[in-house]
Amino acid sequence: MNQLSGKIGLRRVGAVIGGILAFVLAGHLGSATASDWSETDVQVMNGTRFRDPGNPDDVTKTTVTLQHVSGYAYGRNYFFVDSYWGTKNAPRANDIYGEYYHYLSLGKITGAKFGEGVLKDVSLTAGVNAGASTGGAATRVLLYGVTLDFAVPGFSYFNVDLLAYDDRSQFNGVQTRYRNSYQVTPVWRLPFSIGPTHWSFEGFCDFIGARGQGTVNQTLCQPQLRLDVGQLVSGRRDAFYVGTEYQYWRNKYGIDGLNESFPNIMAVVKF
């Protein structure tokens, strides 16, 4: 893909993601009756050891992420959009990538109780991943399955997605003939305090199976350690954080031996 077609692809995906964001935000942020609760944040991160296919050098990138989750009478919605800006060894490698998931709670719909044990709820889950890169890749993935919500002492939440992974991605406008696979994703948040300071340890891990076409199993983990500096500076809790996100990606994109393992510095503003 040349630079012109790459920019056109980015604009198209940006327009699609922008439309999704406008719809979700209008439905879940603009109306108090649309959602029972919601949480939105903007994250800015910088890392210096990204790896890109075909590039032997470490790449420095700045990532800006918009993330939103909201709950309503029958379940919850979640999405994020990442914008990546290469600043060293890939200065024109600008990518956009987003994911959207809807969780339909069986407990809320049917009134079923899952007992007093570890399992709190089961949801039917459907999602879509979409992205574009000036390198020629156009991500298109459909996911569907179930999500298990667990009651783990001390955790705000601990969920595990068990999903089918239907990869319809393209490269240079040609769809790659991947076979269907799977994705298992634990997601968590653990708030804690050390003296007068408040912290949060949160994140996710994606375990994705091989999809044919020479791909292998891949593991992507992005745990974050956040310090609530807003509470320290102004007394306002849960509004502004600084910290680190550790990027661990084994066999990135399913490419055998393409690995990342390094910390990002980060700042987070919550709304």
Protein backbone atom coordinates (compact mmCIF):
# COMPACT_ATOMS: atom_id res chain seq x y z
CA MET A 1 0.00 0.00 0.00
CA ASN A 2 1.44 3.38 -0.95
CA GLN A 3 1.25 6.40 1.35
CA LEU A 4 -1.81 7.85 -0.45
CA SER A 5 -3.84 4.64 -0.29
CA GLY A 6 -2.68 4.14 3.29
CA LYS A 7 -4.03 7.56 4.26
CA ILE A 8 -7.32 6.83 2.46
CA GLY A 9 -7.62 3.55 4.38
CA LEU A 10 -6.98 5.34 7.66
CA ARG A 11 -9.62 7.94 6.86
CA ARG A 12 -12.19 5.26 5.98
CA VAL A 13 -11.59 3.31 9.17
CA GLY A 14 -11.50 6.57 11.12
CA ALA A 15 -14.88 7.51 9.67
CA VAL A 16 -16.35 4.10 10.58
CA ILE A 17 -14.95 4.22 14.11
CA GLY A 18 -16.05 7.83 14.44
CA GLY A 19 -19.58 6.81 13.50
CA ILE A 20 -19.55 4.03 16.08
CA LEU A 21 -18.28 6.43 18.73
CA ALA A 22 -20.92 9.02 17.89
CA PHE A 23 -23.66 6.39 18.13
CA VAL A 24 -22.42 4.89 21.38
CA LEU A 25 -21.67 8.22 23.03
CA ALA A 26 -25.03 9.66 22.00
CA GLY A 27 -26.80 6.63 23.40
CA HIS A 28 -24.82 6.16 26.58
CA LEU A 29 -23.28 9.47 27.52
CA GLY A 30 -25.81 11.96 26.24
CA SER A 31 -28.80 10.55 28.08
CA ALA A 32 -28.97 9.86 31.78
CA THR A 33 -31.70 7.27 31.18
CA ALA A 34 -29.70 5.33 28.57
CA SER A 35 -27.21 3.91 31.03
CA ASP A 36 -27.22 3.05 34.72
CA TRP A 37 -23.52 3.93 34.99
CA SER A 38 -20.63 4.88 32.73
CA GLU A 39 -16.90 5.50 32.83
CA THR A 40 -14.79 7.23 30.18
CA ASP A 41 -11.08 7.99 30.12
CA VAL A 42 -8.35 9.28 27.82
CA GLN A 43 -4.92 7.68 28.07
CA VAL A 44 -1.65 9.00 26.63
CA MET A 45 1.30 6.61 26.53
CA ASN A 46 4.81 6.52 25.13
CA GLY A 47 6.97 3.46 24.53
CA THR A 48 10.33 3.01 22.86
CA ARG A 49 10.56 -0.69 21.97
CA PHE A 50 7.64 -1.46 19.69
CA ARG A 51 8.32 -3.97 16.91
CA ASP A 52 6.74 -3.79 13.46
CA PRO A 53 6.75 -6.54 10.81
CA GLY A 54 9.66 -6.16 8.42
CA ASN A 55 11.39 -3.51 10.55
CA PRO A 56 14.51 -4.75 12.40
CA ASP A 57 14.69 -1.65 14.62
CA ASP A 58 12.84 -0.80 17.81
CA VAL A 59 10.13 1.77 17.12
CA THR A 60 9.11 4.64 19.41
CA LYS A 61 5.38 5.35 19.40
CA THR A 62 2.97 7.65 21.21
CA THR A 63 -0.48 6.17 21.78
CA VAL A 64 -3.64 8.15 22.52
CA THR A 65 -6.56 5.99 23.69
CA LEU A 66 -10.22 6.86 24.23
CA GLN A 67 -11.92 4.21 26.37
CA HIS A 68 -15.54 3.90 27.49
CA VAL A 69 -17.67 1.40 29.39
CA SER A 70 -21.31 1.73 30.43
CA GLY A 71 -23.99 -0.48 31.90
CA TYR A 72 -27.74 -0.51 31.26
CA ALA A 73 -30.74 -2.62 32.22
CA TYR A 74 -29.72 -5.69 30.20
CA GLY A 75 -25.96 -5.59 30.08
CA ARG A 76 -23.05 -3.33 29.22
CA ASN A 77 -21.09 -1.80 26.36
CA TYR A 78 -17.35 -1.35 26.04
CA PHE A 79 -15.14 0.23 23.42
CA PHE A 80 -11.74 1.78 22.95
CA VAL A 81 -10.00 3.55 20.08
CA ASP A 82 -6.21 3.75 19.79
CA SER A 83 -4.29 6.21 17.64
CA TYR A 84 -0.59 5.34 17.25
CA TRP A 85 2.02 7.85 16.11
CA GLY A 86 5.48 6.58 15.22
CA THR A 87 8.19 9.06 16.19
CA LYS A 88 11.44 7.07 15.76
CA ASN A 89 12.44 4.44 13.16
CA ALA A 90 8.90 4.56 11.75
CA PRO A 91 7.97 8.26 11.75
CA ARG A 92 5.16 7.84 9.18
CA ALA A 93 3.70 4.67 10.72
CA ASN A 94 0.42 6.16 11.88
CA ASP A 95 -2.22 3.60 12.79
CA ILE A 96 -5.79 3.69 14.08
CA TYR A 97 -7.43 0.74 15.79
CA GLY A 98 -10.63 0.21 17.76
CA GLU A 99 -12.68 -2.51 19.45
CA TYR A 100 -16.36 -2.56 20.45
CA TYR A 101 -18.09 -5.23 22.56
CA HIS A 102 -21.64 -5.69 23.76
CA TYR A 103 -22.42 -7.91 26.73
CA LEU A 104 -25.99 -9.20 27.17
CA SER A 105 -26.35 -10.32 30.78
CA LEU A 106 -28.29 -13.56 31.25
CA GLY A 107 -28.71 -12.72 34.92
CA LYS A 108 -30.34 -9.37 34.14
CA ILE A 109 -32.53 -10.70 31.31
CA THR A 110 -33.79 -13.86 32.98
CA GLY A 111 -33.42 -12.96 36.64
CA ALA A 112 -31.34 -16.11 37.11
CA LYS A 113 -29.12 -16.27 40.16
CA PHE A 114 -25.72 -17.88 39.85
CA GLY A 115 -25.48 -18.70 43.52
CA GLU A 116 -23.34 -17.27 46.26
CA GLY A 117 -20.09 -18.65 44.88
CA VAL A 118 -17.37 -17.26 42.66
CA LEU A 119 -19.43 -16.97 39.46
CA LYS A 120 -21.54 -13.78 39.47
CA ASP A 121 -23.00 -13.65 35.96
CA VAL A 122 -22.81 -15.01 32.42
CA SER A 123 -23.20 -12.77 29.36
CA LEU A 124 -23.64 -13.38 25.66
CA THR A 125 -20.89 -11.35 24.00
CA ALA A 126 -20.38 -9.99 20.48
CA GLY A 127 -17.62 -7.69 19.30
CA VAL A 128 -15.83 -6.20 16.33
CA ASN A 129 -12.19 -5.13 15.91
CA ALA A 130 -11.25 -2.71 13.12
CA GLY A 131 -8.12 -0.82 12.22
CA ALA A 132 -5.90 0.48 9.45
CA SER A 133 -2.21 1.14 9.04
CA THR A 134 -0.06 3.06 6.58
CA GLY A 135 1.82 -0.26 6.28
CA GLY A 136 -1.08 -1.81 4.36
CA ALA A 137 -2.84 -3.89 7.02
CA ALA A 138 -6.60 -3.48 7.54
CA THR A 139 -7.87 -5.34 10.61
CA ARG A 140 -11.39 -6.78 10.46
CA VAL A 141 -12.27 -9.29 13.18
CA LEU A 142 -15.67 -10.51 14.42
CA LEU A 143 -15.88 -12.09 17.88
CA TYR A 144 -18.74 -13.88 19.61
CA GLY A 145 -19.17 -16.12 22.62
CA VAL A 146 -19.71 -15.77 26.36
CA THR A 147 -18.24 -13.75 29.22
CA LEU A 148 -17.97 -15.03 32.78
CA ASP A 149 -18.07 -12.45 35.59
CA PHE A 150 -16.35 -13.62 38.77
CA ALA A 151 -16.53 -12.35 42.34
CA VAL A 152 -12.88 -12.16 43.45
CA PRO A 153 -12.17 -10.56 46.86
CA GLY A 154 -10.60 -7.10 46.54
CA PHE A 155 -11.23 -6.78 42.80
CA SER A 156 -13.68 -4.24 41.36
CA TYR A 157 -14.20 -6.76 38.56
CA PHE A 158 -12.64 -9.91 37.15
CA ASN A 159 -14.14 -11.15 33.89
CA VAL A 160 -13.11 -13.76 31.34
CA ASP A 161 -14.20 -13.64 27.67
CA LEU A 162 -14.44 -16.98 25.83
CA LEU A 163 -14.85 -16.01 22.18
CA ALA A 164 -14.74 -17.34 18.64
CA TYR A 165 -12.26 -15.31 16.53
CA ASP A 166 -13.35 -14.75 12.92
CA ASP A 167 -10.49 -12.89 11.21
CA ARG A 168 -11.50 -11.16 7.96
CA SER A 169 -8.53 -8.81 7.79
CA GLN A 170 -7.07 -7.51 4.56
CA PHE A 171 -3.63 -6.58 3.32
CA ASN A 172 -3.26 -4.16 0.40
CA GLY A 173 -6.99 -4.54 -0.24
CA VAL A 174 -6.93 -8.36 -0.49
CA GLN A 175 -8.66 -10.42 2.18
CA THR A 176 -6.37 -12.95 3.83
CA ARG A 177 -7.88 -16.42 4.02
CA TYR A 178 -7.54 -17.08 7.73
CA ARG A 179 -9.38 -19.91 9.41
CA ASN A 180 -11.55 -19.28 12.47
CA SER A 181 -9.83 -19.47 15.83
CA TYR A 182 -10.45 -18.50 19.46
CA GLN A 183 -9.72 -15.73 21.93
CA VAL A 184 -9.64 -16.04 25.73
CA THR A 185 -9.39 -12.71 27.56
CA PRO A 186 -9.27 -12.16 31.32
CA VAL A 187 -9.93 -8.52 32.33
CA TRP A 188 -9.46 -7.14 35.84
CA ARG A 189 -9.21 -4.15 38.16
CA LEU A 190 -7.68 -4.28 41.64
CA PRO A 191 -7.77 -1.00 43.63
CA PHE A 192 -5.52 -0.73 46.68
CA SER A 193 -3.94 1.82 49.00
CA ILE A 194 -0.42 2.31 50.34
CA GLY A 195 -0.53 4.77 53.22
CA PRO A 196 -2.33 7.91 51.99
CA THR A 197 -1.88 6.98 48.30
CA HIS A 198 -4.48 5.23 46.13
CA TRP A 199 -3.53 2.86 43.33
CA SER A 200 -5.10 0.64 40.72
CA PHE A 201 -3.71 -2.49 39.09
CA GLU A 202 -5.79 -3.28 36.02
CA GLY A 203 -5.58 -4.58 32.49
CA PHE A 204 -6.18 -7.60 30.28
CA CYS A 205 -4.51 -10.50 28.48
CA ASP A 206 -5.57 -11.82 25.06
CA PHE A 207 -4.75 -15.44 24.26
CA ILE A 208 -5.45 -15.91 20.54
CA GLY A 209 -5.09 -19.17 18.65
CA ALA A 210 -3.34 -19.71 15.33
CA ARG A 211 -5.37 -18.76 12.25
CA GLY A 212 -3.58 -20.66 9.51
CA GLN A 213 -1.54 -18.93 6.77
CA GLY A 214 1.63 -19.53 8.78
CA THR A 215 0.37 -17.88 11.98
CA VAL A 216 1.00 -19.22 15.48
CA ASN A 217 -0.65 -18.72 18.88
CA GLN A 218 -0.17 -15.20 20.27
CA THR A 219 -0.39 -13.63 23.72
CA LEU A 220 -0.97 -9.91 24.31
CA CYS A 221 -0.93 -8.60 27.89
CA GLN A 222 -1.22 -4.93 28.89
CA PRO A 223 -1.30 -4.66 32.71
CA GLN A 224 -1.35 -1.11 34.11
CA LEU A 225 -0.22 0.22 37.45
CA ARG A 226 -1.83 3.62 38.15
CA LEU A 227 -1.27 6.14 40.95
CA ASP A 228 -4.16 8.51 41.71
CA VAL A 229 -2.24 11.81 41.67
CA GLY A 230 -5.43 13.88 41.49
CA GLN A 231 -6.29 12.73 45.00
CA LEU A 232 -2.80 13.67 46.23
CA VAL A 233 -2.73 17.11 44.60
CA SER A 234 -6.30 18.36 44.85
CA GLY A 235 -8.18 15.81 46.93
CA ARG A 236 -10.29 14.81 43.90
CA ARG A 237 -10.25 11.03 43.64
CA ASP A 238 -10.44 8.87 40.54
CA ALA A 239 -9.87 11.74 38.08
CA PHE A 240 -6.19 11.86 37.10
CA TYR A 241 -3.60 9.08 37.18
CA VAL A 242 0.01 8.55 36.18
CA GLY A 243 1.76 5.24 35.94
CA THR A 244 2.97 2.57 33.58
CA GLU A 245 1.51 0.04 31.19
CA TYR A 246 3.64 -3.00 30.48
CA GLN A 247 3.44 -4.19 26.87
CA TYR A 248 3.96 -7.93 26.47
CA TRP A 249 3.15 -9.36 23.05
CA ARG A 250 4.46 -12.79 22.16
CA ASN A 251 4.21 -13.65 18.46
CA LYS A 252 2.70 -10.28 17.57
CA TYR A 253 -0.08 -10.57 14.96
CA GLY A 254 0.54 -14.34 15.05
CA ILE A 255 4.02 -13.90 13.52
CA ASP A 256 6.37 -16.45 15.07
CA GLY A 257 9.22 -14.73 16.94
CA LEU A 258 7.94 -11.15 16.66
CA ASN A 259 7.91 -10.24 20.36
CA GLU A 260 7.51 -7.09 22.49
CA SER A 261 8.28 -6.70 26.19
CA PHE A 262 8.75 -3.21 27.63
CA PRO A 263 7.09 -0.55 29.84
CA ASN A 264 5.19 2.52 28.60
CA ILE A 265 4.87 5.67 30.66
CA MET A 266 1.28 6.86 30.84
CA ALA A 267 -1.15 9.51 32.02
CA VAL A 268 -4.89 9.02 32.36
CA VAL A 269 -7.75 11.51 32.66
CA LYS A 270 -11.13 10.09 33.69
CA PHE A 271 -14.54 11.66 33.07
